[in-house]
Amino acid sequence: MNLVIDVGNTLVKLAVFDSGILKHKKTCVKTDFLATLGEFFENFPSIDNSIVSSVAHFSEQQISKLEKLCNVLLLDHTTTVPFINKYGTPKTLGIDRIALASAAVHLYINKNVLVIDAGTCITYDFINSENEYLGGAISPGISLRYKSLHTFTDKLPLLEANNSKLLIGNSTATSIHAGVVNGVLYEIDGFIEAYKNNYENLTVILTGGDAHFLRDTIKNDIFANSNFLLEGLNHILEYNKH
């Protein structure tokens, strides 16, 4: 059994895979990580390998505790991956994007795949049918757009995301919703159309925290998969066992 650990700025996602199948997952705050880790090993004593992807600080105490329980692979830019990395600055490529690309080549063999991860930022990652990761794009996510309008103006309020589908706002609040939500949707659809014009038989994956918010309003055909990053991390772990 494999344990996949995805460490964010405030939350940690843990998932157990058995023969490539996701058996259990849980999200906790970082301060509860060690207690949650104990629960996982109590419930799944057959865990023998783990992978850690961390975009934030992960303490030596936490790593040491994990290493006492199983074999540990710490994902970074030197880790062997199942694709050809053609990114111009591979040392700066986010490990979350590495995981998403790994899931793409594992689940969609020899296909052109665009992975859209809608979270704090919206990232676009493209892997072609030759198993080459070419790069993509990074733009502000939904919450960042709402926050920026409030932070960098004097009078605009800070609003929560609202999928109102309005095209014309008739108040300041509805105008902000229309601008932010439609701006994101038009951006995503525009990227998809541009990739489709350049690459045949494009497969589009939508994942990330805001995927559920966006999936039903994107015009293009997409596959929504909330576990895509976790599946990619598990594939990297399996790939490095050989």
C-alpha atoms as a PDB file:
ATOM      1  CA  MET A   1       0.000   0.000   0.000  1.00  0.00           C
ATOM      2  CA  ASN A   2       1.078   3.556  -0.745  1.00  0.00           C
ATOM      3  CA  LEU A   3       0.488   6.677   1.309  1.00  0.00           C
ATOM      4  CA  VAL A   4       0.312   9.930  -0.653  1.00  0.00           C
ATOM      5  CA  ILE A   5       0.776  13.184   1.273  1.00  0.00           C
ATOM      6  CA  ASP A   6       0.102  16.575  -0.311  1.00  0.00           C
ATOM      7  CA  VAL A   7       1.159  19.435   1.980  1.00  0.00           C
ATOM      8  CA  GLY A   8      -0.327  22.865   1.309  1.00  0.00           C
ATOM      9  CA  ASN A   9       0.055  26.152   3.150  1.00  0.00           C
ATOM     10  CA  THR A  10      -2.599  25.346   5.769  1.00  0.00           C
ATOM     11  CA  LEU A  11      -4.021  21.926   4.877  1.00  0.00           C
ATOM     12  CA  VAL A  12      -2.560  18.472   4.354  1.00  0.00           C
ATOM     13  CA  LYS A  13      -4.216  15.846   2.168  1.00  0.00           C
ATOM     14  CA  LEU A  14      -3.482  12.186   2.862  1.00  0.00           C
ATOM     15  CA  ALA A  15      -4.574   9.308   0.631  1.00  0.00           C
ATOM     16  CA  VAL A  16      -4.055   5.549   0.619  1.00  0.00           C
ATOM     17  CA  PHE A  17      -3.656   3.691  -2.672  1.00  0.00           C
ATOM     18  CA  ASP A  18      -3.704  -0.060  -3.087  1.00  0.00           C
ATOM     19  CA  SER A  19      -2.712  -1.409  -6.520  1.00  0.00           C
ATOM     20  CA  GLY A  20      -3.421   1.987  -8.036  1.00  0.00           C
ATOM     21  CA  ILE A  21      -6.885   2.301  -6.492  1.00  0.00           C
ATOM     22  CA  LEU A  22      -7.688   5.118  -4.077  1.00  0.00           C
ATOM     23  CA  LYS A  23      -8.964   3.485  -0.893  1.00  0.00           C
ATOM     24  CA  HIS A  24      -9.227   6.365   1.540  1.00  0.00           C
ATOM     25  CA  LYS A  25      -8.398  10.057   1.794  1.00  0.00           C
ATOM     26  CA  LYS A  26      -8.593  12.732   4.434  1.00  0.00           C
ATOM     27  CA  THR A  27      -7.734  16.414   4.773  1.00  0.00           C
ATOM     28  CA  CYS A  28      -6.439  17.929   8.003  1.00  0.00           C
ATOM     29  CA  VAL A  29      -4.809  21.122   9.221  1.00  0.00           C
ATOM     30  CA  LYS A  30      -1.035  20.956   9.519  1.00  0.00           C
ATOM     31  CA  THR A  31      -1.113  20.948  13.323  1.00  0.00           C
ATOM     32  CA  ASP A  32      -3.155  17.718  13.259  1.00  0.00           C
ATOM     33  CA  PHE A  33      -0.867  15.940  10.803  1.00  0.00           C
ATOM     34  CA  LEU A  34       0.927  13.613  13.235  1.00  0.00           C
ATOM     35  CA  ALA A  35      -2.327  12.519  14.869  1.00  0.00           C
ATOM     36  CA  THR A  36      -3.903  11.915  11.457  1.00  0.00           C
ATOM     37  CA  LEU A  37      -0.816  10.019  10.334  1.00  0.00           C
ATOM     38  CA  GLY A  38      -1.186   7.723  13.341  1.00  0.00           C
ATOM     39  CA  GLU A  39      -4.819   7.055  12.389  1.00  0.00           C
ATOM     40  CA  PHE A  40      -3.819   6.096   8.855  1.00  0.00           C
ATOM     41  CA  PHE A  41      -1.220   3.580   9.962  1.00  0.00           C
ATOM     42  CA  GLU A  42      -3.593   2.157  12.550  1.00  0.00           C
ATOM     43  CA  ASN A  43      -6.286   1.658   9.918  1.00  0.00           C
ATOM     44  CA  PHE A  44      -3.918   0.658   7.097  1.00  0.00           C
ATOM     45  CA  PRO A  45      -0.969  -1.215   8.657  1.00  0.00           C
ATOM     46  CA  SER A  46       0.097  -2.527   5.221  1.00  0.00           C
ATOM     47  CA  ILE A  47       1.365   0.903   4.117  1.00  0.00           C
ATOM     48  CA  ASP A  48       5.013   0.422   3.217  1.00  0.00           C
ATOM     49  CA  ASN A  49       5.799   3.343   0.893  1.00  0.00           C
ATOM     50  CA  SER A  50       4.915   7.023   0.873  1.00  0.00           C
ATOM     51  CA  ILE A  51       5.490  10.150  -1.181  1.00  0.00           C
ATOM     52  CA  VAL A  52       5.450  13.706   0.157  1.00  0.00           C
ATOM     53  CA  SER A  53       4.675  16.715  -2.028  1.00  0.00           C
ATOM     54  CA  SER A  54       5.030  19.948  -0.094  1.00  0.00           C
ATOM     55  CA  VAL A  55       4.578  23.510  -1.319  1.00  0.00           C
ATOM     56  CA  ALA A  56       5.007  24.741   2.257  1.00  0.00           C
ATOM     57  CA  HIS A  57       7.262  23.982   5.221  1.00  0.00           C
ATOM     58  CA  PHE A  58       7.220  20.357   6.345  1.00  0.00           C
ATOM     59  CA  SER A  59       9.167  19.944   9.587  1.00  0.00           C
ATOM     60  CA  GLU A  60      12.011  17.534  10.217  1.00  0.00           C
ATOM     61  CA  GLN A  61       9.963  16.085  13.068  1.00  0.00           C
ATOM     62  CA  GLN A  62       7.116  15.243  10.714  1.00  0.00           C
ATOM     63  CA  ILE A  63       9.431  13.710   8.110  1.00  0.00           C
ATOM     64  CA  SER A  64      11.322  11.760  10.773  1.00  0.00           C
ATOM     65  CA  LYS A  65       8.085  10.329  12.173  1.00  0.00           C
ATOM     66  CA  LEU A  66       7.001   9.241   8.692  1.00  0.00           C
ATOM     67  CA  GLU A  67      10.394   7.666   7.929  1.00  0.00           C
ATOM     68  CA  LYS A  68      10.059   5.487  11.039  1.00  0.00           C
ATOM     69  CA  LEU A  69       6.795   4.107   9.666  1.00  0.00           C
ATOM     70  CA  CYS A  70       7.595   3.474   5.984  1.00  0.00           C
ATOM     71  CA  ASN A  71       9.866   4.261   3.046  1.00  0.00           C
ATOM     72  CA  VAL A  72       9.589   7.936   2.077  1.00  0.00           C
ATOM     73  CA  LEU A  73      10.076   9.682  -1.265  1.00  0.00           C
ATOM     74  CA  LEU A  74      10.290  13.481  -1.012  1.00  0.00           C
ATOM     75  CA  LEU A  75       9.205  14.939  -4.325  1.00  0.00           C
ATOM     76  CA  ASP A  76      11.369  17.698  -5.809  1.00  0.00           C
ATOM     77  CA  HIS A  77      12.721  18.741  -9.209  1.00  0.00           C
ATOM     78  CA  THR A  78      15.377  15.975  -9.094  1.00  0.00           C
ATOM     79  CA  THR A  79      12.834  13.155  -8.715  1.00  0.00           C
ATOM     80  CA  THR A  80      12.591  10.808 -11.691  1.00  0.00           C
ATOM     81  CA  VAL A  81       9.295  11.410 -13.492  1.00  0.00           C
ATOM     82  CA  PRO A  82       7.441   9.454 -16.221  1.00  0.00           C
ATOM     83  CA  PHE A  83       7.586  12.206 -18.847  1.00  0.00           C
ATOM     84  CA  ILE A  84      10.148  14.258 -20.765  1.00  0.00           C
ATOM     85  CA  ASN A  85      10.402  17.632 -19.053  1.00  0.00           C
ATOM     86  CA  LYS A  86      10.930  20.399 -21.610  1.00  0.00           C
ATOM     87  CA  TYR A  87      10.191  23.254 -19.231  1.00  0.00           C
ATOM     88  CA  GLY A  88      12.763  25.983 -19.715  1.00  0.00           C
ATOM     89  CA  THR A  89      13.445  26.336 -15.976  1.00  0.00           C
ATOM     90  CA  PRO A  90      12.814  22.848 -14.540  1.00  0.00           C
ATOM     91  CA  LYS A  91      14.094  23.803 -11.076  1.00  0.00           C
ATOM     92  CA  THR A  92      11.278  26.329 -10.750  1.00  0.00           C
ATOM     93  CA  LEU A  93       8.489  24.022 -11.915  1.00  0.00           C
ATOM     94  CA  GLY A  94       6.033  23.569  -9.045  1.00  0.00           C
ATOM     95  CA  ILE A  95       5.832  20.055  -7.673  1.00  0.00           C
ATOM     96  CA  ASP A  96       2.045  20.203  -7.901  1.00  0.00           C
ATOM     97  CA  ARG A  97       2.397  20.757 -11.651  1.00  0.00           C
ATOM     98  CA  ILE A  98       4.855  17.853 -11.839  1.00  0.00           C
ATOM     99  CA  ALA A  99       2.268  15.615 -10.188  1.00  0.00           C
ATOM    100  CA  LEU A 100      -0.502  16.746 -12.536  1.00  0.00           C
ATOM    101  CA  ALA A 101       1.662  16.051 -15.580  1.00  0.00           C
ATOM    102  CA  SER A 102       2.490  12.600 -14.217  1.00  0.00           C
ATOM    103  CA  ALA A 103      -1.191  11.790 -13.800  1.00  0.00           C
ATOM    104  CA  ALA A 104      -1.848  12.931 -17.366  1.00  0.00           C
ATOM    105  CA  VAL A 105       0.755  10.648 -18.950  1.00  0.00           C
ATOM    106  CA  HIS A 106      -0.350   7.751 -16.769  1.00  0.00           C
ATOM    107  CA  LEU A 107      -4.078   8.002 -17.421  1.00  0.00           C
ATOM    108  CA  TYR A 108      -4.002   9.297 -21.006  1.00  0.00           C
ATOM    109  CA  ILE A 109      -1.173   7.475 -22.751  1.00  0.00           C
ATOM    110  CA  ASN A 110       0.128   9.068 -25.971  1.00  0.00           C
ATOM    111  CA  LYS A 111      -2.523  11.785 -25.983  1.00  0.00           C
ATOM    112  CA  ASN A 112      -2.443  15.557 -26.015  1.00  0.00           C
ATOM    113  CA  VAL A 113      -3.622  16.566 -22.543  1.00  0.00           C
ATOM    114  CA  LEU A 114      -4.337  19.968 -21.030  1.00  0.00           C
ATOM    115  CA  VAL A 115      -4.657  19.905 -17.231  1.00  0.00           C
ATOM    116  CA  ILE A 116      -6.400  22.884 -15.645  1.00  0.00           C
ATOM    117  CA  ASP A 117      -5.959  23.150 -11.884  1.00  0.00           C
ATOM    118  CA  ALA A 118      -8.368  25.736 -10.467  1.00  0.00           C
ATOM    119  CA  GLY A 119      -7.187  26.624  -6.985  1.00  0.00           C
ATOM    120  CA  THR A 120      -5.520  29.656  -5.416  1.00  0.00           C
ATOM    121  CA  CYS A 121      -3.971  30.078  -8.844  1.00  0.00           C
ATOM    122  CA  ILE A 122      -5.295  28.625 -12.075  1.00  0.00           C
ATOM    123  CA  THR A 123      -2.552  26.611 -13.731  1.00  0.00           C
ATOM    124  CA  TYR A 124      -2.571  25.216 -17.240  1.00  0.00           C
ATOM    125  CA  ASP A 125      -0.217  22.313 -17.957  1.00  0.00           C
ATOM    126  CA  PHE A 126       0.203  20.717 -21.362  1.00  0.00           C
ATOM    127  CA  ILE A 127       1.618  17.282 -22.169  1.00  0.00           C
ATOM    128  CA  ASN A 128       1.740  16.285 -25.818  1.00  0.00           C
ATOM    129  CA  SER A 129       1.233  12.886 -27.432  1.00  0.00           C
ATOM    130  CA  GLU A 130       5.016  12.378 -27.476  1.00  0.00           C
ATOM    131  CA  ASN A 131       5.066  12.258 -23.663  1.00  0.00           C
ATOM    132  CA  GLU A 132       6.650  15.708 -23.497  1.00  0.00           C
ATOM    133  CA  TYR A 133       5.729  18.291 -20.887  1.00  0.00           C
ATOM    134  CA  LEU A 134       5.921  21.653 -22.658  1.00  0.00           C
ATOM    135  CA  GLY A 135       4.715  24.016 -19.923  1.00  0.00           C
ATOM    136  CA  GLY A 136       1.554  26.078 -19.710  1.00  0.00           C
ATOM    137  CA  ALA A 137       0.320  29.162 -17.900  1.00  0.00           C
ATOM    138  CA  ILE A 138      -0.422  30.554 -14.430  1.00  0.00           C
ATOM    139  CA  SER A 139      -3.131  33.092 -13.636  1.00  0.00           C
ATOM    140  CA  PRO A 140      -4.948  34.297 -10.494  1.00  0.00           C
ATOM    141  CA  GLY A 141      -7.638  32.007  -9.145  1.00  0.00           C
ATOM    142  CA  ILE A 142     -11.183  33.011  -8.292  1.00  0.00           C
ATOM    143  CA  SER A 143     -10.527  33.993  -4.672  1.00  0.00           C
ATOM    144  CA  LEU A 144      -7.416  35.970  -5.639  1.00  0.00           C
ATOM    145  CA  ARG A 145      -9.439  37.976  -8.146  1.00  0.00           C
ATOM    146  CA  TYR A 146     -12.045  38.895  -5.545  1.00  0.00           C
ATOM    147  CA  LYS A 147      -9.334  39.800  -3.032  1.00  0.00           C
ATOM    148  CA  SER A 148      -7.341  41.884  -5.507  1.00  0.00           C
ATOM    149  CA  LEU A 149     -10.379  44.018  -6.389  1.00  0.00           C
ATOM    150  CA  HIS A 150     -10.880  44.769  -2.707  1.00  0.00           C
ATOM    151  CA  THR A 151      -7.209  45.189  -1.778  1.00  0.00           C
ATOM    152  CA  PHE A 152      -6.118  47.442  -4.618  1.00  0.00           C
ATOM    153  CA  THR A 153      -9.145  49.753  -4.729  1.00  0.00           C
ATOM    154  CA  ASP A 154     -10.567  52.115  -2.150  1.00  0.00           C
ATOM    155  CA  LYS A 155     -14.245  51.258  -2.254  1.00  0.00           C
ATOM    156  CA  LEU A 156     -14.881  47.831  -3.772  1.00  0.00           C
ATOM    157  CA  PRO A 157     -16.077  45.298  -1.176  1.00  0.00           C
ATOM    158  CA  LEU A 158     -14.577  41.880  -0.532  1.00  0.00           C
ATOM    159  CA  LEU A 159     -17.107  39.299  -1.726  1.00  0.00           C
ATOM    160  CA  GLU A 160     -17.389  35.543  -1.587  1.00  0.00           C
ATOM    161  CA  ALA A 161     -17.493  33.666  -4.882  1.00  0.00           C
ATOM    162  CA  ASN A 162     -20.972  33.491  -6.344  1.00  0.00           C
ATOM    163  CA  ASN A 163     -21.699  31.457  -9.448  1.00  0.00           C
ATOM    164  CA  SER A 164     -24.586  33.696 -10.462  1.00  0.00           C
ATOM    165  CA  LYS A 165     -24.000  33.313 -14.235  1.00  0.00           C
ATOM    166  CA  LEU A 166     -24.972  36.947 -14.690  1.00  0.00           C
ATOM    167  CA  LEU A 167     -23.615  38.648 -17.779  1.00  0.00           C
ATOM    168  CA  ILE A 168     -24.705  42.146 -16.788  1.00  0.00           C
ATOM    169  CA  GLY A 169     -24.367  43.179 -13.172  1.00  0.00           C
ATOM    170  CA  ASN A 170     -26.884  45.781 -12.018  1.00  0.00           C
ATOM    171  CA  SER A 171     -25.103  46.667  -8.760  1.00  0.00           C
ATOM    172  CA  THR A 172     -21.509  46.884  -7.573  1.00  0.00           C
ATOM    173  CA  ALA A 173     -21.702  43.432  -6.025  1.00  0.00           C
ATOM    174  CA  THR A 174     -23.306  41.723  -9.022  1.00  0.00           C
ATOM    175  CA  SER A 175     -20.919  43.557 -11.370  1.00  0.00           C
ATOM    176  CA  ILE A 176     -17.965  42.130  -9.431  1.00  0.00           C
ATOM    177  CA  HIS A 177     -19.464  38.640  -9.563  1.00  0.00           C
ATOM    178  CA  ALA A 178     -20.104  38.965 -13.289  1.00  0.00           C
ATOM    179  CA  GLY A 179     -16.599  40.229 -13.922  1.00  0.00           C
ATOM    180  CA  VAL A 180     -14.747  37.658 -11.837  1.00  0.00           C
ATOM    181  CA  VAL A 181     -16.753  34.549 -12.686  1.00  0.00           C
ATOM    182  CA  ASN A 182     -17.213  35.291 -16.380  1.00  0.00           C
ATOM    183  CA  GLY A 183     -13.610  36.414 -16.637  1.00  0.00           C
ATOM    184  CA  VAL A 184     -12.435  33.036 -15.354  1.00  0.00           C
ATOM    185  CA  LEU A 185     -14.855  31.094 -17.544  1.00  0.00           C
ATOM    186  CA  TYR A 186     -13.957  33.020 -20.706  1.00  0.00           C
ATOM    187  CA  GLU A 187     -10.276  32.613 -19.901  1.00  0.00           C
ATOM    188  CA  ILE A 188     -10.559  28.860 -19.468  1.00  0.00           C
ATOM    189  CA  ASP A 189     -12.705  28.388 -22.564  1.00  0.00           C
ATOM    190  CA  GLY A 190     -10.326  30.609 -24.529  1.00  0.00           C
ATOM    191  CA  PHE A 191      -7.311  28.568 -23.511  1.00  0.00           C
ATOM    192  CA  ILE A 192      -9.074  25.325 -24.390  1.00  0.00           C
ATOM    193  CA  GLU A 193     -10.071  26.614 -27.830  1.00  0.00           C
ATOM    194  CA  ALA A 194      -6.541  27.859 -28.520  1.00  0.00           C
ATOM    195  CA  TYR A 195      -5.030  24.483 -27.593  1.00  0.00           C
ATOM    196  CA  LYS A 196      -7.621  22.658 -29.682  1.00  0.00           C
ATOM    197  CA  ASN A 197      -6.656  24.773 -32.684  1.00  0.00           C
ATOM    198  CA  ASN A 198      -3.031  23.708 -32.283  1.00  0.00           C
ATOM    199  CA  TYR A 199      -3.286  20.107 -31.073  1.00  0.00           C
ATOM    200  CA  GLU A 200      -5.577  17.381 -32.348  1.00  0.00           C
ATOM    201  CA  ASN A 201      -7.772  15.219 -30.152  1.00  0.00           C
ATOM    202  CA  LEU A 202      -7.146  17.278 -27.050  1.00  0.00           C
ATOM    203  CA  THR A 203      -8.177  15.815 -23.689  1.00  0.00           C
ATOM    204  CA  VAL A 204      -8.967  18.445 -21.033  1.00  0.00           C
ATOM    205  CA  ILE A 205      -8.862  17.696 -17.313  1.00  0.00           C
ATOM    206  CA  LEU A 206     -10.274  20.085 -14.705  1.00  0.00           C
ATOM    207  CA  THR A 207      -9.180  19.642 -11.108  1.00  0.00           C
ATOM    208  CA  GLY A 208      -8.501  21.723  -7.981  1.00  0.00           C
ATOM    209  CA  GLY A 209     -10.611  23.245  -5.250  1.00  0.00           C
ATOM    210  CA  ASP A 210     -12.769  25.344  -7.576  1.00  0.00           C
ATOM    211  CA  ALA A 211     -13.359  22.585 -10.137  1.00  0.00           C
ATOM    212  CA  HIS A 212     -16.846  21.859  -8.770  1.00  0.00           C
ATOM    213  CA  PHE A 213     -17.668  25.563  -9.008  1.00  0.00           C
ATOM    214  CA  LEU A 214     -16.660  25.780 -12.675  1.00  0.00           C
ATOM    215  CA  ARG A 215     -17.279  22.414 -14.299  1.00  0.00           C
ATOM    216  CA  ASP A 216     -20.945  22.879 -15.223  1.00  0.00           C
ATOM    217  CA  THR A 217     -20.465  26.327 -16.778  1.00  0.00           C
ATOM    218  CA  ILE A 218     -17.445  25.672 -19.006  1.00  0.00           C
ATOM    219  CA  LYS A 219     -18.604  25.375 -22.614  1.00  0.00           C
ATOM    220  CA  ASN A 220     -15.962  22.896 -23.766  1.00  0.00           C
ATOM    221  CA  ASP A 221     -15.986  19.183 -22.995  1.00  0.00           C
ATOM    222  CA  ILE A 222     -13.886  18.423 -19.938  1.00  0.00           C
ATOM    223  CA  PHE A 223     -13.233  15.623 -17.478  1.00  0.00           C
ATOM    224  CA  ALA A 224     -13.522  16.792 -13.865  1.00  0.00           C
ATOM    225  CA  ASN A 225     -11.329  14.824 -11.456  1.00  0.00           C
ATOM    226  CA  SER A 226     -10.812  16.086  -7.907  1.00  0.00           C
ATOM    227  CA  ASN A 227      -8.227  13.381  -7.181  1.00  0.00           C
ATOM    228  CA  PHE A 228      -6.028  14.005 -10.210  1.00  0.00           C
ATOM    229  CA  LEU A 229      -3.044  15.384  -8.273  1.00  0.00           C
ATOM    230  CA  LEU A 230      -3.173  12.554  -5.730  1.00  0.00           C
ATOM    231  CA  GLU A 231      -3.253  10.012  -8.562  1.00  0.00           C
ATOM    232  CA  GLY A 232      -0.248  11.700 -10.130  1.00  0.00           C
ATOM    233  CA  LEU A 233       1.725  11.518  -6.899  1.00  0.00           C
ATOM    234  CA  ASN A 234       0.905   7.839  -6.540  1.00  0.00           C
ATOM    235  CA  HIS A 235       2.092   7.211 -10.099  1.00  0.00           C
ATOM    236  CA  ILE A 236       5.408   8.993  -9.397  1.00  0.00           C
ATOM    237  CA  LEU A 237       5.857   6.815  -6.329  1.00  0.00           C
ATOM    238  CA  GLU A 238       5.185   3.644  -8.318  1.00  0.00           C
ATOM    239  CA  TYR A 239       7.468   4.836 -11.104  1.00  0.00           C
ATOM    240  CA  ASN A 240      10.348   5.319  -8.657  1.00  0.00           C
ATOM    241  CA  LYS A 241      10.010   1.828  -7.194  1.00  0.00           C
ATOM    242  CA  HIS A 242      11.426   0.279 -10.377  1.00  0.00           C
END
